[in-house]
Amino acid sequence: MTDVRMDSPVNNNNNSSSSAFCVDAHMQDLSRGGVRVCGVCGDHATGYHFNAMTCEGCKGFFRRSMKRDATYTCPLGGHCTITKDNRRHCQACRLKRCTEIGMMKELIMTEEEMQRKKEMMLKRKMECDGSERVRLQLSDEQDHLITDLIEGHRKTYDDTYSDFSEFRPPVRKSDNSSEEGFCSSPMGLHLEKSNSTCSSPTSALSVGMSLGNIFSILPMCTDDGSDEVTANPPLTMLPHLADLVSYSIQKVIGFAKIIPEFKELHTEDQIALLKSSVIEIIILRSNQSFSLEDNSWTCGSNEFKYCITDVTQGHSMELMEPLVKFQVGLKKLNLHEAEHVLLMAICIFSPDRPGVTDRDRVEACQERLSETLRTYISCHHPPPGGHLLYPKMVQKLADLRNLNEEHSKQYLEISRKEGVVDDLTPLLVEVFGSPLP
């Protein structure tokens, strides 16, 4: 290799511009042959830094030394030969070599100049990304898929819960448990006075459909009576929550039925996918009614409100704490409606669900949905909101699996308690399993 260390002593009487010119000419000769080496240590050079061809290490060393006005001392009298391997051994001779090859302190940018440079680079990158998004377009097939999913979601999800009218009402456990079981907000739970409440535990949702006729969603019962609940009946929130979840399950089934790829699967695979994913879809949907202000869920145009303490009458905080954390994180992603429905569909089409037989077909459907989501984000969700959005959404699917597992564990524990099974609905037992003896 050509020796580029230039160990011959430098005549201090020569001016710096002459020295810089000689070194510059020497480095240009090296570049002509395709060899770019650092004039300080001989390492691979990344370009001209502060008026000399250097590597990144020597560039940083020179900048730090100049900013600190560092003064170094050589134990060998200033005659060290600087190489790639020993360049950290003698800072004095390394800095001396930097100045010898023409590196100039005046060319080091200030912090303000560095910040302006970073901003300009970011601006150019965003402009480049914008041009790429213009070239990236959703195909007609992808556009129709998103339209179908949004339409299906709107048909089967109403954030006012206007048709959730036949349910066992939430009630207090004791005279002093009002504050524990209900929100302290002025908009707290007012379900006790619903004019269409079925006061019997065997309401329409209690005797509702099973997965055997999963595609025949039964109509809710109608009751012209308006029985009011007594002040403090000896029940808990569990019957009401069971009816609410059963209602939500039926809506998820309706959403899945609208997806063309789902309808083309074998019935056994449809049932397997729904049984495994339904609680995850319910969690995703409930994010639309989740409030970041007080970590609560609203139901019925803000008429009803559920706090963590309402749900913990059935489930423990081992489920509720990660559930609220998930809802907060998902809400902060500020997903578009298209991204939200695509995430739900991707969640349904998971080929690793228990009982799925045609895994290749389900995986192909999921991949088409995933590609549609990636393309949509590139086209319609620019930075900073769209920065790393896709991997963040994929992480949410993993978080949902953990919530699903914890829910299944707590469901079985709750269902084994004496008398609780009567509070459940046949649909819940069909989907989440019967309690073990």
Protein backbone atom coordinates (compact mmCIF):
# COMPACT_ATOMS: atom_id res chain seq x y z
CA MET A 1 0.00 0.00 0.00
CA THR A 2 1.18 3.49 -0.72
CA ASP A 3 2.53 5.15 2.41
CA VAL A 4 0.26 8.06 3.25
CA ARG A 5 1.52 8.88 6.73
CA MET A 6 3.97 11.53 5.44
CA ASP A 7 6.42 11.08 8.29
CA SER A 8 8.95 13.61 7.03
CA PRO A 9 9.27 16.59 9.38
CA VAL A 10 7.32 19.68 8.51
CA ASN A 11 9.15 22.98 8.17
CA ASN A 12 7.39 25.33 10.54
CA ASN A 13 8.51 28.30 8.45
CA ASN A 14 6.28 27.23 5.57
CA ASN A 15 2.82 28.72 5.69
CA SER A 16 -0.18 26.46 6.32
CA SER A 17 -1.72 27.08 2.91
CA SER A 18 1.35 25.65 1.16
CA SER A 19 1.29 22.59 3.41
CA ALA A 20 -2.42 22.10 2.85
CA PHE A 21 -1.96 22.44 -0.91
CA CYS A 22 0.74 19.75 -0.98
CA VAL A 23 -1.30 17.33 1.11
CA ASP A 24 -4.43 18.05 -0.91
CA ALA A 25 -2.59 17.26 -4.16
CA HIS A 26 -1.22 14.07 -2.64
CA MET A 27 -4.72 12.91 -1.57
CA GLN A 28 -6.10 13.68 -5.01
CA ASP A 29 -3.42 11.42 -6.50
CA LEU A 30 -4.55 8.65 -4.18
CA SER A 31 -8.22 9.15 -5.13
CA ARG A 32 -7.51 8.75 -8.84
CA GLY A 33 -6.69 5.10 -8.31
CA GLY A 34 -9.90 4.52 -6.41
CA VAL A 35 -8.08 4.49 -3.05
CA ARG A 36 -9.44 6.80 -0.36
CA VAL A 37 -7.47 6.68 2.86
CA CYS A 38 -7.31 8.90 5.91
CA GLY A 39 -4.39 11.31 5.86
CA VAL A 40 -4.09 11.03 9.64
CA CYS A 41 -4.12 7.28 10.36
CA GLY A 42 -4.39 5.48 7.02
CA ASP A 43 -7.87 4.07 7.71
CA HIS A 44 -10.62 4.10 5.06
CA ALA A 45 -11.58 7.74 4.42
CA THR A 46 -15.19 8.78 4.10
CA GLY A 47 -14.54 12.15 2.43
CA TYR A 48 -13.13 15.62 2.99
CA HIS A 49 -13.66 16.82 6.55
CA PHE A 50 -12.49 20.27 7.65
CA ASN A 51 -10.37 20.61 4.47
CA ALA A 52 -8.70 17.16 4.55
CA MET A 53 -9.45 13.60 3.51
CA THR A 54 -10.04 11.67 6.75
CA CYS A 55 -11.93 8.80 8.30
CA GLU A 56 -14.93 9.33 10.59
CA GLY A 57 -12.84 8.62 13.70
CA CYS A 58 -10.24 11.29 13.02
CA LYS A 59 -12.94 13.74 11.95
CA GLY A 60 -14.67 13.33 15.31
CA PHE A 61 -11.40 13.45 17.22
CA PHE A 62 -10.42 16.76 15.58
CA ARG A 63 -13.85 18.31 16.21
CA ARG A 64 -13.87 17.31 19.89
CA SER A 65 -10.32 18.52 20.44
CA MET A 66 -10.98 21.91 18.85
CA LYS A 67 -14.25 22.48 20.70
CA ARG A 68 -12.58 21.72 24.03
CA ASP A 69 -9.39 23.65 23.16
CA ALA A 70 -7.63 20.49 24.28
CA THR A 71 -3.90 20.46 24.99
CA TYR A 72 -2.16 17.09 24.73
CA THR A 73 1.38 16.01 25.66
CA CYS A 74 3.36 13.27 23.88
CA PRO A 75 5.48 11.08 26.21
CA LEU A 76 7.87 10.36 23.31
CA GLY A 77 8.68 13.89 22.32
CA GLY A 78 6.11 14.24 19.54
CA HIS A 79 7.54 11.70 17.10
CA CYS A 80 4.82 8.98 17.18
CA THR A 81 3.78 7.35 13.93
CA ILE A 82 -0.04 7.38 13.82
CA THR A 83 -1.76 4.33 12.37
CA LYS A 84 -5.27 2.91 12.37
CA ASP A 85 -4.37 0.54 15.21
CA ASN A 86 -2.54 2.95 17.53
CA ARG A 87 -4.28 6.27 16.80
CA ARG A 88 -5.80 6.37 20.28
CA HIS A 89 -2.46 5.87 22.03
CA CYS A 90 -1.10 9.39 21.51
CA GLN A 91 -3.61 12.20 21.18
CA ALA A 92 -0.88 14.84 20.88
CA CYS A 93 0.67 13.32 17.75
CA ARG A 94 -2.74 12.53 16.30
CA LEU A 95 -3.82 16.15 16.63
CA LYS A 96 -0.48 17.27 15.25
CA ARG A 97 -1.04 15.05 12.20
CA CYS A 98 -4.53 16.56 11.74
CA THR A 99 -3.10 20.05 11.47
CA GLU A 100 -0.23 18.89 9.27
CA ILE A 101 -2.55 17.57 6.59
CA GLY A 102 -4.54 20.81 6.59
CA MET A 103 -7.53 20.30 8.89
CA MET A 104 -8.88 23.71 9.92
CA LYS A 105 -10.68 24.68 13.12
CA GLU A 106 -12.52 27.47 11.28
CA LEU A 107 -14.50 24.92 9.25
CA ILE A 108 -16.08 23.28 12.29
CA MET A 109 -19.77 24.17 12.41
CA THR A 110 -21.39 25.62 15.50
CA GLU A 111 -24.30 23.90 17.23
CA GLU A 112 -26.72 26.29 15.52
CA GLU A 113 -25.22 25.52 12.12
CA MET A 114 -25.40 21.78 12.83
CA GLN A 115 -29.08 22.11 13.77
CA ARG A 116 -29.87 24.02 10.59
CA LYS A 117 -28.08 21.39 8.55
CA LYS A 118 -30.09 18.61 10.21
CA GLU A 119 -33.33 20.46 9.55
CA MET A 120 -32.43 20.92 5.89
CA MET A 121 -31.57 17.22 5.54
CA LEU A 122 -34.86 16.24 7.19
CA LYS A 123 -36.77 18.58 4.90
CA ARG A 124 -35.14 17.07 1.82
CA LYS A 125 -35.87 13.57 3.10
CA MET A 126 -39.54 14.40 3.67
CA GLU A 127 -39.77 15.90 0.19
CA CYS A 128 -38.24 12.73 -1.22
CA ASP A 129 -40.63 10.57 0.81
CA GLY A 130 -43.50 12.72 -0.41
CA SER A 131 -42.50 12.10 -4.01
CA GLU A 132 -42.38 8.38 -3.28
CA ARG A 133 -45.88 8.50 -1.80
CA VAL A 134 -47.15 10.20 -4.93
CA ARG A 135 -45.81 7.31 -6.97
CA LEU A 136 -47.28 4.76 -4.53
CA GLN A 137 -51.00 4.29 -5.10
CA LEU A 138 -53.59 1.88 -3.78
CA SER A 139 -54.73 -0.56 -6.43
CA ASP A 140 -58.42 -0.75 -7.31
CA GLU A 141 -58.63 -4.07 -5.48
CA GLN A 142 -57.08 -2.58 -2.33
CA ASP A 143 -59.32 0.48 -2.53
CA HIS A 144 -62.44 -1.70 -2.83
CA LEU A 145 -61.25 -3.85 0.09
CA ILE A 146 -60.90 -0.81 2.35
CA THR A 147 -64.31 0.48 1.25
CA ASP A 148 -65.93 -2.88 2.06
CA LEU A 149 -64.28 -3.06 5.48
CA ILE A 150 -65.28 0.47 6.44
CA GLU A 151 -68.85 -0.13 5.30
CA GLY A 152 -69.00 -3.41 7.21
CA HIS A 153 -67.62 -1.78 10.34
CA ARG A 154 -70.10 1.07 10.23
CA LYS A 155 -72.99 -1.32 9.74
CA THR A 156 -72.01 -3.43 12.73
CA TYR A 157 -70.60 -0.85 15.15
CA ASP A 158 -72.58 2.04 16.55
CA ASP A 159 -70.71 4.09 19.13
CA THR A 160 -74.04 5.19 20.59
CA TYR A 161 -75.01 1.53 21.24
CA SER A 162 -78.56 2.53 20.33
CA ASP A 163 -79.72 -1.07 19.79
CA PHE A 164 -78.15 -2.33 23.02
CA SER A 165 -81.41 -2.10 24.89
CA GLU A 166 -82.20 -5.52 26.29
CA PHE A 167 -79.79 -6.23 29.12
CA ARG A 168 -79.59 -7.02 32.78
CA PRO A 169 -78.77 -3.68 34.38
CA PRO A 170 -75.65 -2.88 36.35
CA VAL A 171 -76.43 -2.76 40.05
CA ARG A 172 -74.66 -1.98 43.27
CA LYS A 173 -73.27 -4.63 45.58
CA SER A 174 -74.11 -2.81 48.82
CA ASP A 175 -75.27 0.53 50.16
CA ASN A 176 -71.70 1.78 50.40
CA SER A 177 -70.36 0.41 47.11
CA SER A 178 -71.79 3.07 44.82
CA GLU A 179 -68.48 4.86 44.52
CA GLU A 180 -66.64 1.59 43.99
CA GLY A 181 -68.87 0.13 41.31
CA PHE A 182 -69.76 3.23 39.32
CA CYS A 183 -67.98 6.20 37.83
CA SER A 184 -67.82 9.27 39.98
CA SER A 185 -68.28 11.36 36.84
CA PRO A 186 -71.55 13.31 36.55
CA MET A 187 -72.18 11.22 33.45
CA GLY A 188 -71.93 8.01 35.46
CA LEU A 189 -73.92 4.87 34.77
CA HIS A 190 -77.63 5.53 34.37
CA LEU A 191 -78.58 2.14 32.99
CA GLU A 192 -80.87 1.36 35.92
CA LYS A 193 -83.66 3.47 34.42
CA SER A 194 -83.49 2.20 30.84
CA ASN A 195 -87.08 1.89 29.58
CA SER A 196 -86.36 -1.32 27.69
CA THR A 197 -84.43 -3.21 30.35
CA CYS A 198 -85.17 -6.91 30.74
CA SER A 199 -85.02 -7.42 34.46
CA SER A 200 -84.88 -11.19 34.19
CA PRO A 201 -81.47 -12.88 34.07
CA THR A 202 -82.80 -14.90 31.13
CA SER A 203 -83.01 -11.96 28.75
CA ALA A 204 -82.62 -12.35 25.01
CA LEU A 205 -78.85 -12.17 25.35
CA SER A 206 -78.89 -14.78 28.09
CA VAL A 207 -80.62 -17.31 25.87
CA GLY A 208 -79.04 -15.91 22.68
CA MET A 209 -77.52 -17.75 19.77
CA SER A 210 -74.72 -20.28 19.80
CA LEU A 211 -71.97 -20.74 17.27
CA GLY A 212 -73.91 -23.63 15.79
CA ASN A 213 -76.07 -21.05 13.97
CA ILE A 214 -73.37 -18.38 14.04
CA PHE A 215 -74.57 -16.69 10.86
CA SER A 216 -78.14 -16.20 12.06
CA ILE A 217 -77.97 -13.30 14.46
CA LEU A 218 -81.17 -13.41 16.46
CA PRO A 219 -83.13 -10.19 17.02
CA MET A 220 -83.19 -8.79 20.51
CA CYS A 221 -86.31 -9.30 22.58
CA THR A 222 -88.63 -6.34 23.08
CA ASP A 223 -90.23 -5.56 26.39
CA ASP A 224 -92.77 -2.82 26.73
CA GLY A 225 -92.37 -2.83 30.48
CA SER A 226 -90.12 -0.36 32.21
CA ASP A 227 -89.25 -2.08 35.48
CA GLU A 228 -87.06 0.08 37.65
CA VAL A 229 -84.28 -1.48 39.65
CA THR A 230 -84.51 -1.26 43.40
CA ALA A 231 -82.07 0.97 45.19
CA ASN A 232 -79.39 -1.60 46.05
CA PRO A 233 -80.19 -5.12 44.78
CA PRO A 234 -77.76 -7.89 45.83
CA LEU A 235 -76.16 -8.38 42.39
CA THR A 236 -72.96 -7.18 40.71
CA MET A 237 -71.89 -5.80 37.37
CA LEU A 238 -71.17 -9.29 36.03
CA PRO A 239 -74.61 -10.04 34.51
CA HIS A 240 -74.66 -6.68 32.77
CA LEU A 241 -71.12 -7.10 31.45
CA ALA A 242 -71.99 -10.60 30.22
CA ASP A 243 -74.86 -9.16 28.20
CA LEU A 244 -72.67 -6.34 26.88
CA VAL A 245 -69.96 -8.76 25.71
CA SER A 246 -72.56 -11.09 24.15
CA TYR A 247 -73.99 -8.12 22.25
CA SER A 248 -70.49 -7.16 21.10
CA ILE A 249 -69.74 -10.72 19.95
CA GLN A 250 -72.79 -10.69 17.70
CA LYS A 251 -71.62 -7.41 16.15
CA VAL A 252 -68.14 -8.83 15.49
CA ILE A 253 -69.74 -11.82 13.77
CA GLY A 254 -71.68 -9.43 11.57
CA PHE A 255 -68.48 -7.58 10.67
CA ALA A 256 -66.65 -10.79 9.74
CA LYS A 257 -69.55 -11.94 7.55
CA ILE A 258 -69.16 -8.87 5.34
CA ILE A 259 -65.52 -9.64 4.49
CA PRO A 260 -65.57 -11.53 1.15
CA GLU A 261 -62.44 -13.57 1.91
CA PHE A 262 -63.91 -14.65 5.23
CA LYS A 263 -67.14 -15.92 3.67
CA GLU A 264 -65.11 -18.04 1.25
CA LEU A 265 -63.46 -20.02 4.06
CA HIS A 266 -64.80 -23.33 5.33
CA THR A 267 -67.36 -22.90 8.10
CA GLU A 268 -65.10 -24.74 10.56
CA ASP A 269 -62.28 -22.28 9.89
CA GLN A 270 -64.63 -19.32 10.19
CA ILE A 271 -65.76 -20.51 13.62
CA ALA A 272 -62.18 -21.23 14.74
CA LEU A 273 -61.00 -17.77 13.70
CA LEU A 274 -63.89 -16.01 15.40
CA LYS A 275 -63.71 -17.95 18.66
CA SER A 276 -60.02 -17.13 18.99
CA SER A 277 -60.09 -13.49 17.90
CA VAL A 278 -63.46 -12.14 19.02
CA ILE A 279 -62.30 -10.70 22.36
CA GLU A 280 -59.38 -9.00 20.56
CA ILE A 281 -61.74 -7.40 18.04
CA ILE A 282 -64.02 -6.23 20.85
CA ILE A 283 -61.01 -4.59 22.52
CA LEU A 284 -60.01 -2.91 19.26
CA ARG A 285 -63.53 -1.64 18.66
CA SER A 286 -63.95 -0.37 22.19
CA ASN A 287 -61.00 1.96 21.60
CA GLN A 288 -63.35 4.23 19.66
CA SER A 289 -65.35 4.85 22.83
CA PHE A 290 -62.30 5.05 25.11
CA SER A 291 -61.49 8.44 26.64
CA LEU A 292 -57.92 9.48 27.41
CA GLU A 293 -59.19 12.13 29.82
CA ASP A 294 -60.32 9.70 32.52
CA ASN A 295 -59.49 6.24 31.09
CA SER A 296 -63.14 5.27 30.76
CA TRP A 297 -65.43 3.87 28.06
CA THR A 298 -68.56 5.71 27.03
CA CYS A 299 -71.65 3.98 25.73
CA GLY A 300 -74.78 5.51 24.27
CA SER A 301 -73.74 8.99 23.16
CA ASN A 302 -71.96 9.55 26.51
CA GLU A 303 -75.09 8.58 28.45
CA PHE A 304 -73.42 5.51 29.96
CA LYS A 305 -69.88 5.39 31.23
CA TYR A 306 -67.76 2.48 32.43
CA CYS A 307 -64.72 2.89 34.67
CA ILE A 308 -62.05 0.36 35.55
CA THR A 309 -63.78 -0.26 38.89
CA ASP A 310 -66.95 -1.33 37.06
CA VAL A 311 -65.12 -4.07 35.20
CA THR A 312 -62.99 -5.18 38.14
CA GLN A 313 -66.16 -6.51 39.77
CA GLY A 314 -65.61 -9.34 37.28
CA HIS A 315 -61.93 -9.21 36.28
CA SER A 316 -58.79 -8.47 38.28
CA MET A 317 -56.26 -5.71 37.70
CA GLU A 318 -53.89 -8.24 36.11
CA LEU A 319 -56.11 -7.87 33.07
CA MET A 320 -57.37 -4.32 33.53
CA GLU A 321 -54.02 -2.56 33.95
CA PRO A 322 -52.51 -3.85 30.65
CA LEU A 323 -55.92 -3.35 28.98
CA VAL A 324 -56.01 0.35 29.87
CA LYS A 325 -52.34 0.70 28.87
CA PHE A 326 -53.19 -0.88 25.52
CA GLN A 327 -56.17 1.42 24.98
CA VAL A 328 -54.10 4.51 25.78
CA GLY A 329 -51.30 3.44 23.43
CA LEU A 330 -53.69 2.59 20.59
CA LYS A 331 -55.59 5.85 21.01
CA LYS A 332 -52.37 7.86 20.76
CA LEU A 333 -51.57 6.32 17.37
CA ASN A 334 -54.45 8.40 15.95
CA LEU A 335 -55.36 5.73 13.42
CA HIS A 336 -57.45 6.57 10.39
CA GLU A 337 -60.69 4.64 10.07
CA ALA A 338 -59.19 2.64 7.20
CA GLU A 339 -56.18 1.67 9.33
CA HIS A 340 -58.45 0.70 12.20
CA VAL A 341 -60.64 -1.64 10.15
CA LEU A 342 -57.62 -3.16 8.39
CA LEU A 343 -56.05 -3.90 11.77
CA MET A 344 -59.24 -5.67 12.87
CA ALA A 345 -59.35 -7.74 9.69
CA ILE A 346 -55.66 -8.68 10.02
CA CYS A 347 -56.39 -9.76 13.59
CA ILE A 348 -59.20 -12.05 12.42
CA PHE A 349 -57.13 -13.66 9.65
CA SER A 350 -54.45 -15.15 11.89
CA PRO A 351 -53.39 -18.55 10.52
CA ASP A 352 -51.94 -19.72 13.85
CA ARG A 353 -55.31 -19.73 15.63
CA PRO A 354 -56.24 -23.11 17.19
CA GLY A 355 -58.47 -25.27 15.01
CA VAL A 356 -57.69 -23.59 11.68
CA THR A 357 -57.23 -26.19 8.93
CA ASP A 358 -56.57 -24.19 5.75
CA ARG A 359 -53.71 -22.15 7.20
CA ASP A 360 -52.15 -21.31 3.83
CA ARG A 361 -55.35 -19.69 2.61
CA VAL A 362 -55.83 -17.72 5.82
CA GLU A 363 -52.20 -16.58 5.73
CA ALA A 364 -52.58 -15.43 2.11
CA CYS A 365 -55.62 -13.37 3.11
CA GLN A 366 -53.73 -11.83 6.02
CA GLU A 367 -50.78 -10.96 3.78
CA ARG A 368 -53.07 -9.16 1.30
CA LEU A 369 -54.56 -7.18 4.17
CA SER A 370 -51.11 -6.37 5.57
CA GLU A 371 -49.85 -5.18 2.19
CA THR A 372 -52.94 -3.01 1.81
CA LEU A 373 -52.28 -1.48 5.23
CA ARG A 374 -48.63 -0.76 4.41
CA THR A 375 -49.60 0.88 1.12
CA TYR A 376 -52.35 2.94 2.75
CA ILE A 377 -49.95 4.24 5.41
CA SER A 378 -47.41 5.20 2.74
CA CYS A 379 -50.05 7.06 0.72
CA HIS A 380 -52.23 8.67 3.36
CA HIS A 381 -50.39 8.82 6.68
CA PRO A 382 -47.21 10.88 6.18
CA PRO A 383 -44.64 11.60 8.92
CA PRO A 384 -44.55 12.40 11.70
CA GLY A 385 -47.82 10.56 12.44
CA GLY A 386 -46.99 7.71 10.10
CA HIS A 387 -43.40 7.25 11.26
CA LEU A 388 -42.97 3.54 12.10
CA LEU A 389 -46.75 3.26 12.26
CA TYR A 390 -46.96 -0.18 10.66
CA PRO A 391 -44.55 -1.90 13.10
CA LYS A 392 -46.31 -0.16 15.99
CA MET A 393 -49.63 -1.60 14.80
CA VAL A 394 -48.10 -5.07 14.48
CA GLN A 395 -46.91 -4.75 18.08
CA LYS A 396 -50.49 -4.00 19.09
CA LEU A 397 -51.52 -7.37 17.64
CA ALA A 398 -48.93 -9.05 19.89
CA ASP A 399 -50.24 -7.10 22.89
CA LEU A 400 -53.76 -8.26 22.04
CA ARG A 401 -52.65 -11.90 22.20
CA ASN A 402 -51.40 -11.37 25.74
CA LEU A 403 -54.67 -9.69 26.74
CA ASN A 404 -56.60 -12.54 25.14
CA GLU A 405 -54.67 -15.13 27.13
CA GLU A 406 -55.20 -13.27 30.41
CA HIS A 407 -58.90 -12.85 29.66
CA SER A 408 -59.30 -16.58 29.00
CA LYS A 409 -57.52 -17.39 32.24
CA GLN A 410 -59.68 -15.05 34.31
CA TYR A 411 -62.88 -16.09 32.54
CA LEU A 412 -62.35 -19.72 33.55
CA GLU A 413 -61.54 -18.71 37.13
CA ILE A 414 -64.66 -16.54 37.36
CA SER A 415 -66.93 -19.11 35.74
CA ARG A 416 -65.97 -21.76 38.31
CA LYS A 417 -67.31 -19.66 41.19
CA GLU A 418 -70.57 -20.79 42.68
CA GLY A 419 -73.61 -19.23 41.02
CA VAL A 420 -71.61 -17.28 38.44
CA VAL A 421 -72.43 -19.61 35.57
CA ASP A 422 -76.06 -18.50 35.82
CA ASP A 423 -74.94 -14.93 35.11
CA LEU A 424 -73.22 -15.94 31.86
CA THR A 425 -74.95 -16.33 28.51
CA PRO A 426 -74.93 -19.45 26.31
CA LEU A 427 -73.01 -17.48 23.69
CA LEU A 428 -70.25 -16.63 26.17
CA VAL A 429 -69.99 -20.27 27.21
CA GLU A 430 -69.91 -21.34 23.56
CA VAL A 431 -67.17 -18.88 22.62
CA PHE A 432 -64.99 -18.82 25.74
CA GLY A 433 -65.59 -22.36 27.00
CA SER A 434 -67.50 -24.11 29.76
CA PRO A 435 -66.17 -23.95 33.33
CA LEU A 436 -64.25 -27.02 34.41
CA PRO A 437 -65.70 -29.04 37.30
